[in-house]
Protein backbone atom coordinates (compact mmCIF):
# COMPACT_ATOMS: atom_id res chain seq x y z
CA MET A 1 -78.99 -83.60 182.25
CA ARG A 2 -79.73 -83.11 186.08
CA SER A 3 -75.97 -83.06 187.19
CA ARG A 4 -74.48 -79.56 187.77
CA THR A 5 -70.96 -80.73 187.17
CA HIS A 6 -69.50 -82.95 184.30
CA SER A 7 -66.28 -84.18 183.05
CA LEU A 8 -65.07 -85.08 179.61
CA ASN A 9 -61.92 -86.62 178.15
CA TRP A 10 -60.65 -84.98 174.96
CA HIS A 11 -57.40 -85.80 173.18
CA GLY A 12 -56.11 -87.33 176.54
CA GLN A 13 -57.03 -84.47 178.80
CA VAL A 14 -59.74 -84.02 181.27
CA PHE A 15 -62.19 -80.99 180.81
CA TYR A 16 -64.44 -79.94 183.67
CA PHE A 17 -67.88 -78.34 183.10
CA GLN A 18 -69.56 -76.62 185.82
CA TYR A 19 -73.16 -75.17 185.69
CA VAL A 20 -73.23 -71.31 186.02
CA ARG A 21 -76.10 -69.48 187.72
CA ASP A 22 -79.58 -69.67 186.45
CA SER A 23 -79.60 -65.71 185.73
CA PHE A 24 -78.14 -66.54 182.28
CA GLU A 25 -81.25 -68.55 181.15
CA GLU A 26 -83.22 -65.31 180.44
CA GLN A 27 -80.57 -64.64 177.64
CA GLY A 28 -81.05 -68.01 176.00
CA ALA A 29 -79.27 -71.27 177.09
CA PRO A 30 -77.76 -71.59 180.56
CA LEU A 31 -74.02 -71.47 180.62
CA TRP A 32 -71.47 -73.99 181.54
CA ALA A 33 -67.80 -72.80 182.75
CA VAL A 34 -65.21 -74.97 181.45
CA SER A 35 -61.87 -75.61 182.92
CA ARG A 36 -58.83 -77.87 182.30
CA ARG A 37 -56.31 -78.50 185.05
CA GLY A 38 -57.96 -76.06 187.24
CA GLU A 39 -57.54 -73.15 184.62
CA PHE A 40 -60.74 -71.47 183.25
CA ILE A 41 -60.88 -71.70 179.42
CA GLY A 42 -64.49 -70.56 178.46
CA THR A 43 -68.34 -70.98 178.70
CA MET A 44 -70.39 -73.33 176.86
CA PRO A 45 -74.26 -72.57 176.33
CA CYS A 46 -76.35 -75.62 176.82
CA SER A 47 -79.78 -76.44 178.35
CA THR A 48 -80.03 -78.45 181.47
CA GLU A 49 -82.68 -80.37 179.86
CA VAL A 50 -80.65 -82.24 177.62
CA THR A 51 -79.58 -85.92 177.98
CA THR A 52 -76.17 -86.66 179.25
CA LYS A 53 -75.31 -88.10 175.72
CA ASP A 54 -76.30 -84.94 173.95
CA PHE A 55 -74.39 -82.87 176.52
CA GLU A 56 -71.22 -84.83 175.89
CA LEU A 57 -71.62 -84.47 172.22
CA ARG A 58 -72.11 -80.86 172.40
CA GLY A 59 -69.13 -80.57 174.95
CA LEU A 60 -66.83 -82.64 172.37
CA HIS A 61 -67.78 -80.44 169.59
CA TRP A 62 -67.49 -77.31 171.62
CA LEU A 63 -63.93 -78.37 172.72
CA SER A 64 -62.91 -79.10 168.97
CA ASP A 65 -64.21 -75.71 167.85
CA LEU A 66 -62.24 -73.80 170.40
CA LEU A 67 -58.94 -75.92 170.60
CA ASP A 68 -58.60 -77.42 167.25
CA PRO A 69 -60.40 -75.14 164.77
CA GLN A 70 -58.49 -76.53 161.80
CA GLN A 71 -60.14 -79.88 162.31
CA PRO A 72 -62.98 -80.54 159.76
CA ARG A 73 -66.24 -82.09 161.12
C-alpha cells in the first residue's frame, strides 16, 4: 500500500490511520497511528508493502481486538 494515510469505517465510526516515521521499521513492522474524531487511540504495526485490501483487513481486526475484545472471531 503506497498511501501514507488511510481511513476505515467500523461500527459506523471513521478511524484514521497515519503512517509513522520509518525509524520504527528496524524494530519489525512500521507503525501506523490510529485516531478517531481527532483523538489518538493507538498504533498498529503493519508493513507498507501489503495490499490495500490486506491493510483494511488488518485494520478491522486491530480495531475489533482493541475496542470489542469480547467479540469472537
